[in-house]
């Protein structure tokens, strides 16, 4: 069972996946490749900084806009 909450300014793994619209495997790949770093929680239930997740989402939106143009 995954944690249902994270401290202020952080997201659980499930919340991060939902915000980015990705699977658990894709989230693991982001962490493995160094695009996203854990900022708290435990090894089994990590949390991620909202600012890091927002930056990735903005980068993805910018890239999608370039592809559409």
PDB file of N, CA and C in Angstrom:
ATOM      1  N   UNK A   1       0.842  -1.179   0.000  1.00  0.00           N
ATOM      2  CA  UNK A   1       0.000   0.000   0.000  1.00  0.00           C
ATOM      3  C   UNK A   1       0.886   1.240   0.000  1.00  0.00           C
ATOM      4  N   UNK A   2       0.557   2.158  -0.858  1.00  0.00           N
ATOM      5  CA  UNK A   2       1.345   3.372  -0.990  1.00  0.00           C
ATOM      6  C   UNK A   2       0.848   4.441  -0.033  1.00  0.00           C
ATOM      7  N   UNK A   3       1.767   5.311   0.376  1.00  0.00           N
ATOM      8  CA  UNK A   3       1.388   6.405   1.264  1.00  0.00           C
ATOM      9  C   UNK A   3       0.350   7.282   0.589  1.00  0.00           C
ATOM     10  N   UNK A   4      -0.575   7.782   1.362  1.00  0.00           N
ATOM     11  CA  UNK A   4      -1.638   8.607   0.817  1.00  0.00           C
ATOM     12  C   UNK A   4      -1.325  10.089   0.895  1.00  0.00           C
ATOM     13  N   UNK A   5      -0.255  10.447   1.585  1.00  0.00           N
ATOM     14  CA  UNK A   5       0.078  11.850   1.763  1.00  0.00           C
ATOM     15  C   UNK A   5       1.591  12.037   1.726  1.00  0.00           C
ATOM     16  N   UNK A   6       1.999  13.247   1.484  1.00  0.00           N
ATOM     17  CA  UNK A   6       3.411  13.617   1.523  1.00  0.00           C
ATOM     18  C   UNK A   6       3.493  14.958   2.224  1.00  0.00           C
ATOM     19  N   UNK A   7       4.678  15.291   2.720  1.00  0.00           N
ATOM     20  CA  UNK A   7       4.813  16.578   3.393  1.00  0.00           C
ATOM     21  C   UNK A   7       4.616  17.710   2.399  1.00  0.00           C
ATOM     22  N   UNK A   8       4.399  18.884   2.891  1.00  0.00           N
ATOM     23  CA  UNK A   8       4.109  20.057   2.060  1.00  0.00           C
ATOM     24  C   UNK A   8       5.223  20.266   1.027  1.00  0.00           C
ATOM     25  N   UNK A   9       4.824  20.512  -0.208  1.00  0.00           N
ATOM     26  CA  UNK A   9       5.787  20.757  -1.275  1.00  0.00           C
ATOM     27  C   UNK A   9       6.320  19.499  -1.927  1.00  0.00           C
ATOM     28  N   UNK A  10       5.752  18.352  -1.574  1.00  0.00           N
ATOM     29  CA  UNK A  10       6.188  17.085  -2.132  1.00  0.00           C
ATOM     30  C   UNK A  10       4.990  16.267  -2.596  1.00  0.00           C
ATOM     31  N   UNK A  11       5.257  15.347  -3.501  1.00  0.00           N
ATOM     32  CA  UNK A  11       4.224  14.459  -4.025  1.00  0.00           C
ATOM     33  C   UNK A  11       4.639  13.013  -3.810  1.00  0.00           C
ATOM     34  N   UNK A  12       3.654  12.160  -3.586  1.00  0.00           N
ATOM     35  CA  UNK A  12       3.931  10.728  -3.521  1.00  0.00           C
ATOM     36  C   UNK A  12       4.212  10.233  -4.936  1.00  0.00           C
ATOM     37  N   UNK A  13       4.666   9.006  -5.051  1.00  0.00           N
ATOM     38  CA  UNK A  13       4.925   8.427  -6.368  1.00  0.00           C
ATOM     39  C   UNK A  13       3.637   8.367  -7.192  1.00  0.00           C
ATOM     40  N   UNK A  14       2.544   7.993  -6.572  1.00  0.00           N
ATOM     41  CA  UNK A  14       1.263   7.916  -7.292  1.00  0.00           C
ATOM     42  C   UNK A  14       0.832   9.298  -7.780  1.00  0.00           C
ATOM     43  N   UNK A  15       0.985  10.306  -6.957  1.00  0.00           N
ATOM     44  CA  UNK A  15       0.622  11.665  -7.353  1.00  0.00           C
ATOM     45  C   UNK A  15       1.535  12.160  -8.475  1.00  0.00           C
ATOM     46  N   UNK A  16       2.800  11.798  -8.410  1.00  0.00           N
ATOM     47  CA  UNK A  16       3.751  12.182  -9.450  1.00  0.00           C
ATOM     48  C   UNK A  16       3.393  11.528 -10.772  1.00  0.00           C
ATOM     49  N   UNK A  17       3.086  10.230 -10.719  1.00  0.00           N
ATOM     50  CA  UNK A  17       2.683   9.526 -11.944  1.00  0.00           C
ATOM     51  C   UNK A  17       1.437  10.144 -12.542  1.00  0.00           C
ATOM     52  N   UNK A  18       0.476  10.501 -11.705  1.00  0.00           N
ATOM     53  CA  UNK A  18      -0.760  11.094 -12.191  1.00  0.00           C
ATOM     54  C   UNK A  18      -0.501  12.475 -12.801  1.00  0.00           C
ATOM     55  N   UNK A  19       0.333  13.263 -12.156  1.00  0.00           N
ATOM     56  CA  UNK A  19       0.628  14.612 -12.656  1.00  0.00           C
ATOM     57  C   UNK A  19       1.334  14.569 -14.001  1.00  0.00           C
ATOM     58  N   UNK A  20       2.208  13.574 -14.199  1.00  0.00           N
ATOM     59  CA  UNK A  20       2.950  13.469 -15.453  1.00  0.00           C
ATOM     60  C   UNK A  20       2.262  12.574 -16.474  1.00  0.00           C
ATOM     61  N   UNK A  21       1.250  11.846 -16.051  1.00  0.00           N
ATOM     62  CA  UNK A  21       0.545  10.945 -16.958  1.00  0.00           C
ATOM     63  C   UNK A  21       1.415   9.790 -17.425  1.00  0.00           C
ATOM     64  N   UNK A  22       2.183   9.210 -16.501  1.00  0.00           N
ATOM     65  CA  UNK A  22       3.109   8.131 -16.846  1.00  0.00           C
ATOM     66  C   UNK A  22       2.860   6.906 -15.965  1.00  0.00           C
ATOM     67  N   UNK A  23       3.464   5.802 -16.359  1.00  0.00           N
ATOM     68  CA  UNK A  23       3.336   4.558 -15.597  1.00  0.00           C
ATOM     69  C   UNK A  23       4.404   4.487 -14.510  1.00  0.00           C
ATOM     70  N   UNK A  24       4.295   3.474 -13.674  1.00  0.00           N
ATOM     71  CA  UNK A  24       5.283   3.269 -12.616  1.00  0.00           C
ATOM     72  C   UNK A  24       6.666   2.997 -13.219  1.00  0.00           C
ATOM     73  N   UNK A  25       6.706   2.241 -14.290  1.00  0.00           N
ATOM     74  CA  UNK A  25       7.979   1.956 -14.951  1.00  0.00           C
ATOM     75  C   UNK A  25       8.619   3.205 -15.532  1.00  0.00           C
ATOM     76  N   UNK A  26       7.803   4.075 -16.098  1.00  0.00           N
ATOM     77  CA  UNK A  26       8.329   5.331 -16.649  1.00  0.00           C
ATOM     78  C   UNK A  26       8.870   6.225 -15.534  1.00  0.00           C
ATOM     79  N   UNK A  27       8.211   6.224 -14.392  1.00  0.00           N
ATOM     80  CA  UNK A  27       8.700   6.999 -13.248  1.00  0.00           C
ATOM     81  C   UNK A  27      10.041   6.447 -12.780  1.00  0.00           C
ATOM     82  N   UNK A  28      10.157   5.129 -12.699  1.00  0.00           N
ATOM     83  CA  UNK A  28      11.438   4.519 -12.316  1.00  0.00           C
ATOM     84  C   UNK A  28      12.537   4.902 -13.301  1.00  0.00           C
ATOM     85  N   UNK A  29      12.214   4.946 -14.588  1.00  0.00           N
ATOM     86  CA  UNK A  29      13.205   5.338 -15.588  1.00  0.00           C
ATOM     87  C   UNK A  29      13.633   6.795 -15.426  1.00  0.00           C
ATOM     88  N   UNK A  30      12.705   7.678 -15.109  1.00  0.00           N
ATOM     89  CA  UNK A  30      13.065   9.077 -14.874  1.00  0.00           C
ATOM     90  C   UNK A  30      14.053   9.190 -13.715  1.00  0.00           C
ATOM     91  N   UNK A  31      13.816   8.430 -12.670  1.00  0.00           N
ATOM     92  CA  UNK A  31      14.704   8.446 -11.505  1.00  0.00           C
ATOM     93  C   UNK A  31      16.047   7.819 -11.868  1.00  0.00           C
ATOM     94  N   UNK A  32      16.019   6.689 -12.540  1.00  0.00           N
ATOM     95  CA  UNK A  32      17.239   5.975 -12.916  1.00  0.00           C
ATOM     96  C   UNK A  32      18.138   6.828 -13.804  1.00  0.00           C
ATOM     97  N   UNK A  33      17.535   7.556 -14.736  1.00  0.00           N
ATOM     98  CA  UNK A  33      18.305   8.381 -15.670  1.00  0.00           C
ATOM     99  C   UNK A  33      18.696   9.739 -15.098  1.00  0.00           C
ATOM    100  N   UNK A  34      18.256  10.028 -13.879  1.00  0.00           N
ATOM    101  CA  UNK A  34      18.665  11.260 -13.227  1.00  0.00           C
ATOM    102  C   UNK A  34      17.832  12.477 -13.576  1.00  0.00           C
ATOM    103  N   UNK A  35      16.706  12.296 -14.250  1.00  0.00           N
ATOM    104  CA  UNK A  35      15.836  13.414 -14.591  1.00  0.00           C
ATOM    105  C   UNK A  35      14.987  13.856 -13.410  1.00  0.00           C
ATOM    106  N   UNK A  36      14.795  12.968 -12.461  1.00  0.00           N
ATOM    107  CA  UNK A  36      13.989  13.242 -11.277  1.00  0.00           C
ATOM    108  C   UNK A  36      14.668  12.574 -10.089  1.00  0.00           C
ATOM    109  N   UNK A  37      14.800  13.310  -9.000  1.00  0.00           N
ATOM    110  CA  UNK A  37      15.440  12.740  -7.820  1.00  0.00           C
ATOM    111  C   UNK A  37      14.449  12.667  -6.672  1.00  0.00           C
ATOM    112  N   UNK A  38      14.594  11.646  -5.880  1.00  0.00           N
ATOM    113  CA  UNK A  38      13.762  11.504  -4.686  1.00  0.00           C
ATOM    114  C   UNK A  38      14.144  12.601  -3.710  1.00  0.00           C
ATOM    115  N   UNK A  39      13.150  13.149  -3.048  1.00  0.00           N
ATOM    116  CA  UNK A  39      13.444  14.229  -2.107  1.00  0.00           C
ATOM    117  C   UNK A  39      12.941  13.922  -0.706  1.00  0.00           C
ATOM    118  N   UNK A  40      12.578  12.688  -0.479  1.00  0.00           N
ATOM    119  CA  UNK A  40      12.111  12.314   0.849  1.00  0.00           C
ATOM    120  C   UNK A  40      11.422  10.976   0.818  1.00  0.00           C
ATOM    121  N   UNK A  41      10.722  10.705   1.875  1.00  0.00           N
ATOM    122  CA  UNK A  41      10.035   9.431   1.995  1.00  0.00           C
ATOM    123  C   UNK A  41      11.008   8.323   2.338  1.00  0.00           C
ATOM    124  N   UNK A  42      10.660   7.131   1.945  1.00  0.00           N
ATOM    125  CA  UNK A  42      11.512   5.972   2.193  1.00  0.00           C
ATOM    126  C   UNK A  42      11.884   5.344   0.859  1.00  0.00           C
ATOM    127  N   UNK A  43      12.734   4.352   0.896  1.00  0.00           N
ATOM    128  CA  UNK A  43      13.115   3.663  -0.333  1.00  0.00           C
ATOM    129  C   UNK A  43      11.886   3.043  -1.012  1.00  0.00           C
ATOM    130  N   UNK A  44      11.006   2.516  -0.212  1.00  0.00           N
ATOM    131  CA  UNK A  44       9.813   1.873  -0.751  1.00  0.00           C
ATOM    132  C   UNK A  44       8.709   2.866  -1.100  1.00  0.00           C
ATOM    133  N   UNK A  45       8.648   3.973  -0.397  1.00  0.00           N
ATOM    134  CA  UNK A  45       7.611   4.991  -0.618  1.00  0.00           C
ATOM    135  C   UNK A  45       8.262   6.366  -0.772  1.00  0.00           C
ATOM    136  N   UNK A  46       8.886   6.610  -1.927  1.00  0.00           N
ATOM    137  CA  UNK A  46       9.574   7.886  -2.109  1.00  0.00           C
ATOM    138  C   UNK A  46       8.600   9.039  -2.353  1.00  0.00           C
ATOM    139  N   UNK A  47       9.099  10.242  -2.092  1.00  0.00           N
ATOM    140  CA  UNK A  47       8.360  11.449  -2.447  1.00  0.00           C
ATOM    141  C   UNK A  47       9.246  12.286  -3.355  1.00  0.00           C
ATOM    142  N   UNK A  48       8.619  13.153  -4.124  1.00  0.00           N
ATOM    143  CA  UNK A  48       9.322  13.975  -5.097  1.00  0.00           C
ATOM    144  C   UNK A  48       8.900  15.429  -4.917  1.00  0.00           C
ATOM    145  N   UNK A  49       9.823  16.356  -5.118  1.00  0.00           N
ATOM    146  CA  UNK A  49       9.541  17.777  -4.945  1.00  0.00           C
ATOM    147  C   UNK A  49       8.582  18.252  -6.036  1.00  0.00           C
ATOM    148  N   UNK A  50       7.604  19.039  -5.642  1.00  0.00           N
ATOM    149  CA  UNK A  50       6.623  19.577  -6.585  1.00  0.00           C
ATOM    150  C   UNK A  50       7.322  20.391  -7.665  1.00  0.00           C
ATOM    151  N   UNK A  51       8.339  21.158  -7.296  1.00  0.00           N
ATOM    152  CA  UNK A  51       9.042  21.988  -8.283  1.00  0.00           C
ATOM    153  C   UNK A  51       9.717  21.135  -9.353  1.00  0.00           C
ATOM    154  N   UNK A  52      10.289  19.993  -8.975  1.00  0.00           N
ATOM    155  CA  UNK A  52      10.925  19.106  -9.954  1.00  0.00           C
ATOM    156  C   UNK A  52       9.896  18.497 -10.895  1.00  0.00           C
ATOM    157  N   UNK A  53       8.777  18.074 -10.334  1.00  0.00           N
ATOM    158  CA  UNK A  53       7.714  17.469 -11.152  1.00  0.00           C
ATOM    159  C   UNK A  53       7.115  18.514 -12.093  1.00  0.00           C
ATOM    160  N   UNK A  54       6.918  19.724 -11.598  1.00  0.00           N
ATOM    161  CA  UNK A  54       6.376  20.803 -12.420  1.00  0.00           C
ATOM    162  C   UNK A  54       7.320  21.136 -13.571  1.00  0.00           C
ATOM    163  N   UNK A  55       8.624  21.141 -13.301  1.00  0.00           N
ATOM    164  CA  UNK A  55       9.607  21.428 -14.348  1.00  0.00           C
ATOM    165  C   UNK A  55       9.566  20.369 -15.449  1.00  0.00           C
ATOM    166  N   UNK A  56       9.442  19.111 -15.056  1.00  0.00           N
ATOM    167  CA  UNK A  56       9.358  18.037 -16.053  1.00  0.00           C
ATOM    168  C   UNK A  56       8.076  18.166 -16.863  1.00  0.00           C
ATOM    169  N   UNK A  57       6.964  18.457 -16.206  1.00  0.00           N
ATOM    170  CA  UNK A  57       5.689  18.621 -16.908  1.00  0.00           C
ATOM    171  C   UNK A  57       5.753  19.791 -17.883  1.00  0.00           C
ATOM    172  N   UNK A  58       6.366  20.896 -17.476  1.00  0.00           N
ATOM    173  CA  UNK A  58       6.487  22.063 -18.351  1.00  0.00           C
ATOM    174  C   UNK A  58       7.371  21.747 -19.554  1.00  0.00           C
ATOM    175  N   UNK A  59       8.462  21.030 -19.326  1.00  0.00           N
ATOM    176  CA  UNK A  59       9.351  20.641 -20.417  1.00  0.00           C
ATOM    177  C   UNK A  59       8.638  19.736 -21.409  1.00  0.00           C
ATOM    178  N   UNK A  60       7.846  18.812 -20.901  1.00  0.00           N
ATOM    179  CA  UNK A  60       7.087  17.917 -21.778  1.00  0.00           C
ATOM    180  C   UNK A  60       6.041  18.679 -22.586  1.00  0.00           C
ATOM    181  N   UNK A  61       5.384  19.662 -21.950  1.00  0.00           N
ATOM    182  CA  UNK A  61       4.386  20.466 -22.653  1.00  0.00           C
ATOM    183  C   UNK A  61       5.044  21.313 -23.735  1.00  0.00           C
ATOM    184  N   UNK A  62       6.201  21.862 -23.417  1.00  0.00           N
ATOM    185  CA  UNK A  62       6.923  22.679 -24.397  1.00  0.00           C
ATOM    186  C   UNK A  62       7.348  21.840 -25.596  1.00  0.00           C
ATOM    187  N   UNK A  63       7.843  20.626 -25.302  1.00  0.00           N
ATOM    188  CA  UNK A  63       8.253  19.725 -26.370  1.00  0.00           C
ATOM    189  C   UNK A  63       7.061  19.307 -27.231  1.00  0.00           C
ATOM    190  N   UNK A  64       5.919  19.060 -26.609  1.00  0.00           N
ATOM    191  CA  UNK A  64       4.717  18.665 -27.350  1.00  0.00           C
ATOM    192  C   UNK A  64       4.233  19.822 -28.223  1.00  0.00           C
ATOM    193  N   UNK A  65       4.338  21.056 -27.735  1.00  0.00           N
ATOM    194  CA  UNK A  65       3.929  22.210 -28.529  1.00  0.00           C
ATOM    195  C   UNK A  65       4.820  22.377 -29.747  1.00  0.00           C
ATOM    196  N   UNK A  66       6.117  22.136 -29.576  1.00  0.00           N
ATOM    197  CA  UNK A  66       7.047  22.228 -30.717  1.00  0.00           C
ATOM    198  C   UNK A  66       6.731  21.172 -31.758  1.00  0.00           C
ATOM    199  N   UNK A  67       6.367  19.977 -31.308  1.00  0.00           N
ATOM    200  CA  UNK A  67       6.053  18.893 -32.236  1.00  0.00           C
ATOM    201  C   UNK A  67       4.769  19.175 -32.999  1.00  0.00           C
ATOM    202  N   UNK A  68       3.831  19.846 -32.356  1.00  0.00           N
ATOM    203  CA  UNK A  68       2.543  20.135 -32.984  1.00  0.00           C
ATOM    204  C   UNK A  68       2.659  21.280 -33.998  1.00  0.00           C
ATOM    205  N   UNK A  69       3.629  22.143 -33.809  1.00  0.00           N
ATOM    206  CA  UNK A  69       3.759  23.319 -34.691  1.00  0.00           C
ATOM    207  C   UNK A  69       4.406  22.984 -36.000  1.00  0.00           C
TER     208      UNK A  69
END
